[in-house]
Amino acid sequence: MKSHKDLDVWKKAINFVSDIYKITESFPNSELFGLTNQIRRAAVSIPSNIAEGAARTSQKEFNQFLSIALGSSAEIETQLLIALNLQFISTEKHKELTIKIDDIRKMLIGLKKSLRNE
C-alpha cells in the first residue's frame, strides 16, 4: 500500500487545512470555541484519517478511515454554509472552498472504489 504522503487526496486535504485556518482567522472572537474550532477540527480530520487509514494493515480498515474523512467533508460543507449565512465569509470564498471540498470528496470516493476493486 502507498504511503499517505504519496496520495494526491492527502496532499489536497493538507492544503485545504491551511485554507480553512486562514479564512477562520477573520471569524469573530466569540466563535473561537464554536464554529472556528468545529470547522478547523473537521478540516484537520480529513488528512489525519487518510494518513491513519493508510497506515493500517488491511484495506477494510483503510476504507473505514476514508469513510470518516468523507463524513468530515460533509461536515465542512455544512459549516461553510453556516459561515456564509452568518456573513463570516463572502459568497466568492464560499464557492472557492466548496469547490475544493467537493474535489476532495470525489477523490476520497474514487480511492474507496479503487480499494474495493483490488
PDB file of N, CA and C in Angstrom:
ATOM      1  N   MET A   1       0.841  -1.184   0.000  1.00  0.00           N
ATOM      2  CA  MET A   1       0.000   0.000   0.000  1.00  0.00           C
ATOM      3  C   MET A   1       0.891   1.253   0.000  1.00  0.00           C
ATOM      4  N   LYS A   2       0.446   2.279  -0.698  1.00  0.00           N
ATOM      5  CA  LYS A   2       1.192   3.534  -0.775  1.00  0.00           C
ATOM      6  C   LYS A   2       1.245   4.234   0.576  1.00  0.00           C
ATOM      7  N   SER A   3       2.263   5.041   0.741  1.00  0.00           N
ATOM      8  CA  SER A   3       2.313   5.938   1.893  1.00  0.00           C
ATOM      9  C   SER A   3       1.253   7.014   1.684  1.00  0.00           C
ATOM     10  N   HIS A   4       0.681   7.471   2.779  1.00  0.00           N
ATOM     11  CA  HIS A   4      -0.322   8.536   2.673  1.00  0.00           C
ATOM     12  C   HIS A   4       0.260   9.782   2.009  1.00  0.00           C
ATOM     13  N   LYS A   5       1.561   9.991   2.163  1.00  0.00           N
ATOM     14  CA  LYS A   5       2.212  11.172   1.582  1.00  0.00           C
ATOM     15  C   LYS A   5       2.257  11.120   0.057  1.00  0.00           C
ATOM     16  N   ASP A   6       2.051   9.938  -0.508  1.00  0.00           N
ATOM     17  CA  ASP A   6       2.033   9.780  -1.962  1.00  0.00           C
ATOM     18  C   ASP A   6       0.642   9.971  -2.559  1.00  0.00           C
ATOM     19  N   LEU A   7      -0.360  10.073  -1.716  1.00  0.00           N
ATOM     20  CA  LEU A   7      -1.743  10.179  -2.189  1.00  0.00           C
ATOM     21  C   LEU A   7      -2.106  11.636  -2.493  1.00  0.00           C
ATOM     22  N   ASP A   8      -2.572  11.875  -3.708  1.00  0.00           N
ATOM     23  CA  ASP A   8      -2.951  13.238  -4.103  1.00  0.00           C
ATOM     24  C   ASP A   8      -4.060  13.797  -3.217  1.00  0.00           C
ATOM     25  N   VAL A   9      -4.984  12.947  -2.807  1.00  0.00           N
ATOM     26  CA  VAL A   9      -6.084  13.417  -1.965  1.00  0.00           C
ATOM     27  C   VAL A   9      -5.563  13.898  -0.610  1.00  0.00           C
ATOM     28  N   TRP A  10      -4.553  13.231  -0.075  1.00  0.00           N
ATOM     29  CA  TRP A  10      -3.961  13.669   1.199  1.00  0.00           C
ATOM     30  C   TRP A  10      -3.296  15.034   1.016  1.00  0.00           C
ATOM     31  N   LYS A  11      -2.572  15.199  -0.089  1.00  0.00           N
ATOM     32  CA  LYS A  11      -1.902  16.476  -0.366  1.00  0.00           C
ATOM     33  C   LYS A  11      -2.914  17.611  -0.493  1.00  0.00           C
ATOM     34  N   LYS A  12      -4.011  17.363  -1.221  1.00  0.00           N
ATOM     35  CA  LYS A  12      -5.050  18.391  -1.367  1.00  0.00           C
ATOM     36  C   LYS A  12      -5.684  18.708  -0.021  1.00  0.00           C
ATOM     37  N   ALA A  13      -5.905  17.676   0.778  1.00  0.00           N
ATOM     38  CA  ALA A  13      -6.527  17.874   2.089  1.00  0.00           C
ATOM     39  C   ALA A  13      -5.615  18.681   3.014  1.00  0.00           C
ATOM     40  N   ILE A  14      -4.315  18.441   2.948  1.00  0.00           N
ATOM     41  CA  ILE A  14      -3.357  19.221   3.744  1.00  0.00           C
ATOM     42  C   ILE A  14      -3.429  20.696   3.350  1.00  0.00           C
ATOM     43  N   ASN A  15      -3.451  20.971   2.058  1.00  0.00           N
ATOM     44  CA  ASN A  15      -3.556  22.358   1.589  1.00  0.00           C
ATOM     45  C   ASN A  15      -4.880  22.992   1.998  1.00  0.00           C
ATOM     46  N   PHE A  16      -5.944  22.188   1.990  1.00  0.00           N
ATOM     47  CA  PHE A  16      -7.263  22.686   2.376  1.00  0.00           C
ATOM     48  C   PHE A  16      -7.275  23.108   3.848  1.00  0.00           C
ATOM     49  N   VAL A  17      -6.570  22.370   4.690  1.00  0.00           N
ATOM     50  CA  VAL A  17      -6.476  22.743   6.110  1.00  0.00           C
ATOM     51  C   VAL A  17      -5.906  24.155   6.234  1.00  0.00           C
ATOM     52  N   SER A  18      -4.863  24.440   5.478  1.00  0.00           N
ATOM     53  CA  SER A  18      -4.271  25.788   5.508  1.00  0.00           C
ATOM     54  C   SER A  18      -5.285  26.840   5.077  1.00  0.00           C
ATOM     55  N   ASP A  19      -6.053  26.535   4.038  1.00  0.00           N
ATOM     56  CA  ASP A  19      -7.094  27.467   3.578  1.00  0.00           C
ATOM     57  C   ASP A  19      -8.105  27.748   4.684  1.00  0.00           C
ATOM     58  N   ILE A  20      -8.515  26.694   5.370  1.00  0.00           N
ATOM     59  CA  ILE A  20      -9.516  26.841   6.437  1.00  0.00           C
ATOM     60  C   ILE A  20      -8.949  27.651   7.595  1.00  0.00           C
ATOM     61  N   TYR A  21      -7.727  27.370   7.986  1.00  0.00           N
ATOM     62  CA  TYR A  21      -7.125  28.139   9.086  1.00  0.00           C
ATOM     63  C   TYR A  21      -7.029  29.620   8.726  1.00  0.00           C
ATOM     64  N   LYS A  22      -6.642  29.909   7.487  1.00  0.00           N
ATOM     65  CA  LYS A  22      -6.519  31.315   7.067  1.00  0.00           C
ATOM     66  C   LYS A  22      -7.865  32.021   7.083  1.00  0.00           C
ATOM     67  N   ILE A  23      -8.889  31.376   6.548  1.00  0.00           N
ATOM     68  CA  ILE A  23     -10.195  32.030   6.457  1.00  0.00           C
ATOM     69  C   ILE A  23     -10.842  32.184   7.832  1.00  0.00           C
ATOM     70  N   THR A  24     -10.617  31.230   8.725  1.00  0.00           N
ATOM     71  CA  THR A  24     -11.252  31.314  10.045  1.00  0.00           C
ATOM     72  C   THR A  24     -10.561  32.308  10.971  1.00  0.00           C
ATOM     73  N   GLU A  25      -9.370  32.770  10.594  1.00  0.00           N
ATOM     74  CA  GLU A  25      -8.709  33.813  11.393  1.00  0.00           C
ATOM     75  C   GLU A  25      -9.550  35.082  11.463  1.00  0.00           C
ATOM     76  N   SER A  26     -10.382  35.293  10.444  1.00  0.00           N
ATOM     77  CA  SER A  26     -11.215  36.500  10.406  1.00  0.00           C
ATOM     78  C   SER A  26     -12.583  36.304  11.066  1.00  0.00           C
ATOM     79  N   PHE A  27     -12.878  35.090  11.542  1.00  0.00           N
ATOM     80  CA  PHE A  27     -14.150  34.857  12.234  1.00  0.00           C
ATOM     81  C   PHE A  27     -14.143  35.635  13.554  1.00  0.00           C
ATOM     82  N   PRO A  28     -15.315  35.995  14.055  1.00  0.00           N
ATOM     83  CA  PRO A  28     -15.369  36.731  15.330  1.00  0.00           C
ATOM     84  C   PRO A  28     -14.728  35.937  16.474  1.00  0.00           C
ATOM     85  N   ASN A  29     -14.114  36.653  17.414  1.00  0.00           N
ATOM     86  CA  ASN A  29     -13.503  36.002  18.580  1.00  0.00           C
ATOM     87  C   ASN A  29     -14.514  35.184  19.366  1.00  0.00           C
ATOM     88  N   SER A  30     -15.764  35.598  19.334  1.00  0.00           N
ATOM     89  CA  SER A  30     -16.809  34.863  20.057  1.00  0.00           C
ATOM     90  C   SER A  30     -17.012  33.460  19.490  1.00  0.00           C
ATOM     91  N   GLU A  31     -16.507  33.206  18.281  1.00  0.00           N
ATOM     92  CA  GLU A  31     -16.647  31.895  17.642  1.00  0.00           C
ATOM     93  C   GLU A  31     -15.422  31.004  17.827  1.00  0.00           C
ATOM     94  N   LEU A  32     -14.431  31.472  18.581  1.00  0.00           N
ATOM     95  CA  LEU A  32     -13.191  30.715  18.736  1.00  0.00           C
ATOM     96  C   LEU A  32     -13.444  29.280  19.200  1.00  0.00           C
ATOM     97  N   PHE A  33     -14.373  29.105  20.137  1.00  0.00           N
ATOM     98  CA  PHE A  33     -14.676  27.760  20.641  1.00  0.00           C
ATOM     99  C   PHE A  33     -15.953  27.203  20.025  1.00  0.00           C
ATOM    100  N   GLY A  34     -16.475  27.908  19.039  1.00  0.00           N
ATOM    101  CA  GLY A  34     -17.681  27.480  18.340  1.00  0.00           C
ATOM    102  C   GLY A  34     -17.345  27.048  16.925  1.00  0.00           C
ATOM    103  N   LEU A  35     -17.854  27.814  15.968  1.00  0.00           N
ATOM    104  CA  LEU A  35     -17.701  27.451  14.562  1.00  0.00           C
ATOM    105  C   LEU A  35     -16.238  27.400  14.119  1.00  0.00           C
ATOM    106  N   THR A  36     -15.423  28.318  14.600  1.00  0.00           N
ATOM    107  CA  THR A  36     -13.998  28.316  14.225  1.00  0.00           C
ATOM    108  C   THR A  36     -13.351  26.987  14.598  1.00  0.00           C
ATOM    109  N   ASN A  37     -13.543  26.561  15.833  1.00  0.00           N
ATOM    110  CA  ASN A  37     -12.967  25.308  16.310  1.00  0.00           C
ATOM    111  C   ASN A  37     -13.541  24.111  15.551  1.00  0.00           C
ATOM    112  N   GLN A  38     -14.848  24.116  15.342  1.00  0.00           N
ATOM    113  CA  GLN A  38     -15.506  22.990  14.680  1.00  0.00           C
ATOM    114  C   GLN A  38     -14.994  22.784  13.252  1.00  0.00           C
ATOM    115  N   ILE A  39     -14.937  23.867  12.497  1.00  0.00           N
ATOM    116  CA  ILE A  39     -14.536  23.740  11.091  1.00  0.00           C
ATOM    117  C   ILE A  39     -13.048  23.397  10.972  1.00  0.00           C
ATOM    118  N   ARG A  40     -12.241  23.923  11.870  1.00  0.00           N
ATOM    119  CA  ARG A  40     -10.813  23.574  11.855  1.00  0.00           C
ATOM    120  C   ARG A  40     -10.609  22.100  12.189  1.00  0.00           C
ATOM    121  N   ARG A  41     -11.310  21.615  13.196  1.00  0.00           N
ATOM    122  CA  ARG A  41     -11.175  20.203  13.586  1.00  0.00           C
ATOM    123  C   ARG A  41     -11.638  19.276  12.465  1.00  0.00           C
ATOM    124  N   ALA A  42     -12.730  19.643  11.805  1.00  0.00           N
ATOM    125  CA  ALA A  42     -13.231  18.827  10.695  1.00  0.00           C
ATOM    126  C   ALA A  42     -12.226  18.815   9.542  1.00  0.00           C
ATOM    127  N   ALA A  43     -11.620  19.972   9.267  1.00  0.00           N
ATOM    128  CA  ALA A  43     -10.628  20.048   8.186  1.00  0.00           C
ATOM    129  C   ALA A  43      -9.401  19.195   8.508  1.00  0.00           C
ATOM    130  N   VAL A  44      -8.910  19.291   9.730  1.00  0.00           N
ATOM    131  CA  VAL A  44      -7.740  18.511  10.155  1.00  0.00           C
ATOM    132  C   VAL A  44      -8.051  17.012  10.130  1.00  0.00           C
ATOM    133  N   SER A  45      -9.294  16.665  10.387  1.00  0.00           N
ATOM    134  CA  SER A  45      -9.714  15.268  10.419  1.00  0.00           C
ATOM    135  C   SER A  45      -9.516  14.559   9.077  1.00  0.00           C
ATOM    136  N   ILE A  46      -9.671  15.285   7.985  1.00  0.00           N
ATOM    137  CA  ILE A  46      -9.600  14.633   6.670  1.00  0.00           C
ATOM    138  C   ILE A  46      -8.205  14.067   6.388  1.00  0.00           C
ATOM    139  N   PRO A  47      -7.147  14.883   6.344  1.00  0.00           N
ATOM    140  CA  PRO A  47      -5.835  14.281   6.067  1.00  0.00           C
ATOM    141  C   PRO A  47      -5.369  13.348   7.184  1.00  0.00           C
ATOM    142  N   SER A  48      -5.793  13.629   8.409  1.00  0.00           N
ATOM    143  CA  SER A  48      -5.400  12.770   9.533  1.00  0.00           C
ATOM    144  C   SER A  48      -5.977  11.372   9.377  1.00  0.00           C
ATOM    145  N   ASN A  49      -7.242  11.273   8.981  1.00  0.00           N
ATOM    146  CA  ASN A  49      -7.862   9.959   8.802  1.00  0.00           C
ATOM    147  C   ASN A  49      -7.330   9.241   7.572  1.00  0.00           C
ATOM    148  N   ILE A  50      -6.996   9.987   6.535  1.00  0.00           N
ATOM    149  CA  ILE A  50      -6.362   9.362   5.365  1.00  0.00           C
ATOM    150  C   ILE A  50      -5.028   8.746   5.791  1.00  0.00           C
ATOM    151  N   ALA A  51      -4.239   9.496   6.549  1.00  0.00           N
ATOM    152  CA  ALA A  51      -2.928   9.011   6.999  1.00  0.00           C
ATOM    153  C   ALA A  51      -3.069   7.800   7.913  1.00  0.00           C
ATOM    154  N   GLU A  52      -3.975   7.899   8.876  1.00  0.00           N
ATOM    155  CA  GLU A  52      -4.140   6.778   9.805  1.00  0.00           C
ATOM    156  C   GLU A  52      -4.630   5.534   9.081  1.00  0.00           C
ATOM    157  N   GLY A  53      -5.571   5.707   8.170  1.00  0.00           N
ATOM    158  CA  GLY A  53      -6.090   4.568   7.416  1.00  0.00           C
ATOM    159  C   GLY A  53      -5.033   3.922   6.540  1.00  0.00           C
ATOM    160  N   ALA A  54      -4.211   4.748   5.893  1.00  0.00           N
ATOM    161  CA  ALA A  54      -3.159   4.215   5.019  1.00  0.00           C
ATOM    162  C   ALA A  54      -2.128   3.420   5.807  1.00  0.00           C
ATOM    163  N   ALA A  55      -1.978   3.739   7.080  1.00  0.00           N
ATOM    164  CA  ALA A  55      -1.003   3.041   7.924  1.00  0.00           C
ATOM    165  C   ALA A  55      -1.543   1.716   8.457  1.00  0.00           C
ATOM    166  N   ARG A  56      -2.832   1.491   8.313  1.00  0.00           N
ATOM    167  CA  ARG A  56      -3.423   0.242   8.799  1.00  0.00           C
ATOM    168  C   ARG A  56      -3.028  -0.919   7.896  1.00  0.00           C
ATOM    169  N   THR A  57      -3.187  -2.112   8.420  1.00  0.00           N
ATOM    170  CA  THR A  57      -2.712  -3.294   7.695  1.00  0.00           C
ATOM    171  C   THR A  57      -3.726  -3.869   6.720  1.00  0.00           C
ATOM    172  N   SER A  58      -4.976  -3.476   6.820  1.00  0.00           N
ATOM    173  CA  SER A  58      -5.968  -4.038   5.903  1.00  0.00           C
ATOM    174  C   SER A  58      -6.681  -2.943   5.117  1.00  0.00           C
ATOM    175  N   GLN A  59      -7.121  -3.312   3.927  1.00  0.00           N
ATOM    176  CA  GLN A  59      -7.875  -2.373   3.099  1.00  0.00           C
ATOM    177  C   GLN A  59      -9.222  -2.046   3.735  1.00  0.00           C
ATOM    178  N   LYS A  60      -9.779  -3.009   4.457  1.00  0.00           N
ATOM    179  CA  LYS A  60     -11.055  -2.775   5.137  1.00  0.00           C
ATOM    180  C   LYS A  60     -10.911  -1.642   6.156  1.00  0.00           C
ATOM    181  N   GLU A  61      -9.820  -1.670   6.914  1.00  0.00           N
ATOM    182  CA  GLU A  61      -9.582  -0.606   7.893  1.00  0.00           C
ATOM    183  C   GLU A  61      -9.336   0.731   7.196  1.00  0.00           C
ATOM    184  N   PHE A  62      -8.559   0.707   6.120  1.00  0.00           N
ATOM    185  CA  PHE A  62      -8.291   1.930   5.364  1.00  0.00           C
ATOM    186  C   PHE A  62      -9.611   2.521   4.868  1.00  0.00           C
ATOM    187  N   ASN A  63     -10.459   1.674   4.333  1.00  0.00           N
ATOM    188  CA  ASN A  63     -11.761   2.099   3.831  1.00  0.00           C
ATOM    189  C   ASN A  63     -12.596   2.752   4.937  1.00  0.00           C
ATOM    190  N   GLN A  64     -12.530   2.200   6.126  1.00  0.00           N
ATOM    191  CA  GLN A  64     -13.273   2.747   7.262  1.00  0.00           C
ATOM    192  C   GLN A  64     -12.788   4.168   7.590  1.00  0.00           C
ATOM    193  N   PHE A  65     -11.489   4.380   7.574  1.00  0.00           N
ATOM    194  CA  PHE A  65     -10.950   5.712   7.857  1.00  0.00           C
ATOM    195  C   PHE A  65     -11.270   6.696   6.730  1.00  0.00           C
ATOM    196  N   LEU A  66     -11.328   6.201   5.496  1.00  0.00           N
ATOM    197  CA  LEU A  66     -11.737   7.065   4.386  1.00  0.00           C
ATOM    198  C   LEU A  66     -13.197   7.481   4.543  1.00  0.00           C
ATOM    199  N   SER A  67     -14.016   6.586   5.082  1.00  0.00           N
ATOM    200  CA  SER A  67     -15.420   6.927   5.347  1.00  0.00           C
ATOM    201  C   SER A  67     -15.525   8.038   6.389  1.00  0.00           C
ATOM    202  N   ILE A  68     -14.678   7.984   7.395  1.00  0.00           N
ATOM    203  CA  ILE A  68     -14.660   9.044   8.412  1.00  0.00           C
ATOM    204  C   ILE A  68     -14.248  10.370   7.766  1.00  0.00           C
ATOM    205  N   ALA A  69     -13.245  10.322   6.897  1.00  0.00           N
ATOM    206  CA  ALA A  69     -12.808  11.530   6.187  1.00  0.00           C
ATOM    207  C   ALA A  69     -13.936  12.088   5.325  1.00  0.00           C
ATOM    208  N   LEU A  70     -14.694  11.205   4.684  1.00  0.00           N
ATOM    209  CA  LEU A  70     -15.846  11.643   3.891  1.00  0.00           C
ATOM    210  C   LEU A  70     -16.880  12.340   4.768  1.00  0.00           C
ATOM    211  N   GLY A  71     -17.121  11.786   5.941  1.00  0.00           N
ATOM    212  CA  GLY A  71     -18.051  12.416   6.876  1.00  0.00           C
ATOM    213  C   GLY A  71     -17.593  13.806   7.267  1.00  0.00           C
ATOM    214  N   SER A  72     -16.310  13.958   7.482  1.00  0.00           N
ATOM    215  CA  SER A  72     -15.759  15.275   7.825  1.00  0.00           C
ATOM    216  C   SER A  72     -15.920  16.260   6.671  1.00  0.00           C
ATOM    217  N   SER A  73     -15.824  15.767   5.444  1.00  0.00           N
ATOM    218  CA  SER A  73     -16.002  16.663   4.292  1.00  0.00           C
ATOM    219  C   SER A  73     -17.435  17.184   4.225  1.00  0.00           C
ATOM    220  N   ALA A  74     -18.407  16.336   4.554  1.00  0.00           N
ATOM    221  CA  ALA A  74     -19.806  16.779   4.586  1.00  0.00           C
ATOM    222  C   ALA A  74     -20.028  17.774   5.719  1.00  0.00           C
ATOM    223  N   GLU A  75     -19.372  17.530   6.835  1.00  0.00           N
ATOM    224  CA  GLU A  75     -19.449  18.442   7.978  1.00  0.00           C
ATOM    225  C   GLU A  75     -18.919  19.826   7.584  1.00  0.00           C
ATOM    226  N   ILE A  76     -17.796  19.861   6.894  1.00  0.00           N
ATOM    227  CA  ILE A  76     -17.207  21.134   6.464  1.00  0.00           C
ATOM    228  C   ILE A  76     -18.128  21.858   5.494  1.00  0.00           C
ATOM    229  N   GLU A  77     -18.712  21.121   4.569  1.00  0.00           N
ATOM    230  CA  GLU A  77     -19.625  21.745   3.612  1.00  0.00           C
ATOM    231  C   GLU A  77     -20.766  22.453   4.346  1.00  0.00           C
ATOM    232  N   THR A  78     -21.298  21.809   5.359  1.00  0.00           N
ATOM    233  CA  THR A  78     -22.364  22.395   6.170  1.00  0.00           C
ATOM    234  C   THR A  78     -21.864  23.615   6.925  1.00  0.00           C
ATOM    235  N   GLN A  79     -20.696  23.504   7.518  1.00  0.00           N
ATOM    236  CA  GLN A  79     -20.138  24.611   8.301  1.00  0.00           C
ATOM    237  C   GLN A  79     -19.798  25.811   7.426  1.00  0.00           C
ATOM    238  N   LEU A  80     -19.373  25.571   6.200  1.00  0.00           N
ATOM    239  CA  LEU A  80     -19.114  26.674   5.273  1.00  0.00           C
ATOM    240  C   LEU A  80     -20.406  27.407   4.927  1.00  0.00           C
ATOM    241  N   LEU A  81     -21.485  26.661   4.776  1.00  0.00           N
ATOM    242  CA  LEU A  81     -22.779  27.288   4.505  1.00  0.00           C
ATOM    243  C   LEU A  81     -23.232  28.127   5.700  1.00  0.00           C
ATOM    244  N   ILE A  82     -23.025  27.609   6.893  1.00  0.00           N
ATOM    245  CA  ILE A  82     -23.349  28.372   8.107  1.00  0.00           C
ATOM    246  C   ILE A  82     -22.517  29.649   8.153  1.00  0.00           C
ATOM    247  N   ALA A  83     -21.228  29.535   7.865  1.00  0.00           N
ATOM    248  CA  ALA A  83     -20.344  30.713   7.862  1.00  0.00           C
ATOM    249  C   ALA A  83     -20.811  31.741   6.831  1.00  0.00           C
ATOM    250  N   LEU A  84     -21.258  31.275   5.687  1.00  0.00           N
ATOM    251  CA  LEU A  84     -21.789  32.174   4.658  1.00  0.00           C
ATOM    252  C   LEU A  84     -23.056  32.860   5.157  1.00  0.00           C
ATOM    253  N   ASN A  85     -23.971  32.074   5.719  1.00  0.00           N
ATOM    254  CA  ASN A  85     -25.235  32.624   6.214  1.00  0.00           C
ATOM    255  C   ASN A  85     -25.026  33.641   7.328  1.00  0.00           C
ATOM    256  N   LEU A  86     -23.980  33.449   8.126  1.00  0.00           N
ATOM    257  CA  LEU A  86     -23.663  34.388   9.210  1.00  0.00           C
ATOM    258  C   LEU A  86     -22.791  35.552   8.723  1.00  0.00           C
ATOM    259  N   GLN A  87     -22.494  35.546   7.435  1.00  0.00           N
ATOM    260  CA  GLN A  87     -21.673  36.575   6.794  1.00  0.00           C
ATOM    261  C   GLN A  87     -20.246  36.624   7.347  1.00  0.00           C
ATOM    262  N   PHE A  88     -19.733  35.447   7.740  1.00  0.00           N
ATOM    263  CA  PHE A  88     -18.340  35.340   8.164  1.00  0.00           C
ATOM    264  C   PHE A  88     -17.424  35.195   6.955  1.00  0.00           C
ATOM    265  N   ILE A  89     -17.978  34.687   5.837  1.00  0.00           N
ATOM    266  CA  ILE A  89     -17.225  34.553   4.594  1.00  0.00           C
ATOM    267  C   ILE A  89     -18.060  35.106   3.447  1.00  0.00           C
ATOM    268  N   SER A  90     -17.379  35.507   2.393  1.00  0.00           N
ATOM    269  CA  SER A  90     -18.063  36.043   1.213  1.00  0.00           C
ATOM    270  C   SER A  90     -18.613  34.899   0.359  1.00  0.00           C
ATOM    271  N   THR A  91     -19.511  35.251  -0.526  1.00  0.00           N
ATOM    272  CA  THR A  91     -20.053  34.273  -1.472  1.00  0.00           C
ATOM    273  C   THR A  91     -18.932  33.682  -2.324  1.00  0.00           C
ATOM    274  N   GLU A  92     -17.993  34.517  -2.726  1.00  0.00           N
ATOM    275  CA  GLU A  92     -16.878  34.056  -3.561  1.00  0.00           C
ATOM    276  C   GLU A  92     -15.994  33.057  -2.808  1.00  0.00           C
ATOM    277  N   LYS A  93     -15.681  33.368  -1.556  1.00  0.00           N
ATOM    278  CA  LYS A  93     -14.841  32.475  -0.742  1.00  0.00           C
ATOM    279  C   LYS A  93     -15.580  31.166  -0.475  1.00  0.00           C
ATOM    280  N   HIS A  94     -16.884  31.256  -0.227  1.00  0.00           N
ATOM    281  CA  HIS A  94     -17.695  30.057  -0.012  1.00  0.00           C
ATOM    282  C   HIS A  94     -17.640  29.160  -1.246  1.00  0.00           C
ATOM    283  N   LYS A  95     -17.817  29.762  -2.409  1.00  0.00           N
ATOM    284  CA  LYS A  95     -17.781  28.990  -3.654  1.00  0.00           C
ATOM    285  C   LYS A  95     -16.416  28.336  -3.847  1.00  0.00           C
ATOM    286  N   GLU A  96     -15.354  29.099  -3.637  1.00  0.00           N
ATOM    287  CA  GLU A  96     -13.987  28.585  -3.798  1.00  0.00           C
ATOM    288  C   GLU A  96     -13.726  27.387  -2.879  1.00  0.00           C
ATOM    289  N   LEU A  97     -14.094  27.518  -1.607  1.00  0.00           N
ATOM    290  CA  LEU A  97     -13.844  26.442  -0.642  1.00  0.00           C
ATOM    291  C   LEU A  97     -14.758  25.248  -0.882  1.00  0.00           C
ATOM    292  N   THR A  98     -15.984  25.511  -1.329  1.00  0.00           N
ATOM    293  CA  THR A  98     -16.912  24.418  -1.625  1.00  0.00           C
ATOM    294  C   THR A  98     -16.410  23.597  -2.809  1.00  0.00           C
ATOM    295  N   ILE A  99     -15.868  24.257  -3.806  1.00  0.00           N
ATOM    296  CA  ILE A  99     -15.289  23.537  -4.950  1.00  0.00           C
ATOM    297  C   ILE A  99     -14.126  22.660  -4.480  1.00  0.00           C
ATOM    298  N   LYS A 100     -13.288  23.193  -3.613  1.00  0.00           N
ATOM    299  CA  LYS A 100     -12.138  22.420  -3.110  1.00  0.00           C
ATOM    300  C   LYS A 100     -12.587  21.208  -2.301  1.00  0.00           C
ATOM    301  N   ILE A 101     -13.575  21.388  -1.427  1.00  0.00           N
ATOM    302  CA  ILE A 101     -14.012  20.250  -0.603  1.00  0.00           C
ATOM    303  C   ILE A 101     -14.750  19.226  -1.466  1.00  0.00           C
ATOM    304  N   ASP A 102     -15.461  19.676  -2.504  1.00  0.00           N
ATOM    305  CA  ASP A 102     -16.099  18.743  -3.439  1.00  0.00           C
ATOM    306  C   ASP A 102     -15.054  17.914  -4.180  1.00  0.00           C
ATOM    307  N   ASP A 103     -13.961  18.547  -4.590  1.00  0.00           N
ATOM    308  CA  ASP A 103     -12.878  17.814  -5.258  1.00  0.00           C
ATOM    309  C   ASP A 103     -12.280  16.760  -4.322  1.00  0.00           C
ATOM    310  N   ILE A 104     -12.062  17.141  -3.081  1.00  0.00           N
ATOM    311  CA  ILE A 104     -11.520  16.196  -2.097  1.00  0.00           C
ATOM    312  C   ILE A 104     -12.490  15.042  -1.895  1.00  0.00           C
ATOM    313  N   ARG A 105     -13.775  15.352  -1.787  1.00  0.00           N
ATOM    314  CA  ARG A 105     -14.781  14.307  -1.601  1.00  0.00           C
ATOM    315  C   ARG A 105     -14.771  13.332  -2.777  1.00  0.00           C
ATOM    316  N   LYS A 106     -14.728  13.856  -3.990  1.00  0.00           N
ATOM    317  CA  LYS A 106     -14.698  12.991  -5.178  1.00  0.00           C
ATOM    318  C   LYS A 106     -13.458  12.101  -5.178  1.00  0.00           C
ATOM    319  N   MET A 107     -12.334  12.656  -4.774  1.00  0.00           N
ATOM    320  CA  MET A 107     -11.098  11.869  -4.716  1.00  0.00           C
ATOM    321  C   MET A 107     -11.190  10.778  -3.652  1.00  0.00           C
ATOM    322  N   LEU A 108     -11.804  11.090  -2.520  1.00  0.00           N
ATOM    323  CA  LEU A 108     -11.987  10.087  -1.469  1.00  0.00           C
ATOM    324  C   LEU A 108     -12.875   8.950  -1.963  1.00  0.00           C
ATOM    325  N   ILE A 109     -13.957   9.301  -2.647  1.00  0.00           N
ATOM    326  CA  ILE A 109     -14.860   8.282  -3.191  1.00  0.00           C
ATOM    327  C   ILE A 109     -14.121   7.420  -4.210  1.00  0.00           C
ATOM    328  N   GLY A 110     -13.331   8.053  -5.061  1.00  0.00           N
ATOM    329  CA  GLY A 110     -12.547   7.304  -6.043  1.00  0.00           C
ATOM    330  C   GLY A 110     -11.551   6.362  -5.391  1.00  0.00           C
ATOM    331  N   LEU A 111     -10.906   6.818  -4.327  1.00  0.00           N
ATOM    332  CA  LEU A 111      -9.950   5.973  -3.609  1.00  0.00           C
ATOM    333  C   LEU A 111     -10.661   4.796  -2.955  1.00  0.00           C
ATOM    334  N   LYS A 112     -11.830   5.047  -2.378  1.00  0.00           N
ATOM    335  CA  LYS A 112     -12.611   3.959  -1.779  1.00  0.00           C
ATOM    336  C   LYS A 112     -12.985   2.915  -2.837  1.00  0.00           C
ATOM    337  N   LYS A 113     -13.393   3.381  -4.010  1.00  0.00           N
ATOM    338  CA  LYS A 113     -13.750   2.460  -5.096  1.00  0.00           C
ATOM    339  C   LYS A 113     -12.542   1.648  -5.544  1.00  0.00           C
ATOM    340  N   SER A 114     -11.384   2.291  -5.622  1.00  0.00           N
ATOM    341  CA  SER A 114     -10.183   1.571  -6.056  1.00  0.00           C
ATOM    342  C   SER A 114      -9.790   0.496  -5.043  1.00  0.00           C
ATOM    343  N   LEU A 115     -10.041   0.752  -3.764  1.00  0.00           N
ATOM    344  CA  LEU A 115      -9.746  -0.259  -2.743  1.00  0.00           C
ATOM    345  C   LEU A 115     -10.659  -1.469  -2.900  1.00  0.00           C
ATOM    346  N   ARG A 116     -11.909  -1.222  -3.260  1.00  0.00           N
ATOM    347  CA  ARG A 116     -12.860  -2.315  -3.463  1.00  0.00           C
ATOM    348  C   ARG A 116     -12.465  -3.180  -4.648  1.00  0.00           C
ATOM    349  N   ASN A 117     -11.857  -2.562  -5.652  1.00  0.00           N
ATOM    350  CA  ASN A 117     -11.506  -3.283  -6.882  1.00  0.00           C
ATOM    351  C   ASN A 117     -10.173  -4.017  -6.797  1.00  0.00           C
ATOM    352  N   GLU A 118      -9.439  -3.824  -5.708  1.00  0.00           N
ATOM    353  CA  GLU A 118      -8.136  -4.506  -5.578  1.00  0.00           C
ATOM    354  C   GLU A 118      -8.299  -5.898  -5.032  1.00  0.00           C
TER     355      GLU A 118
END
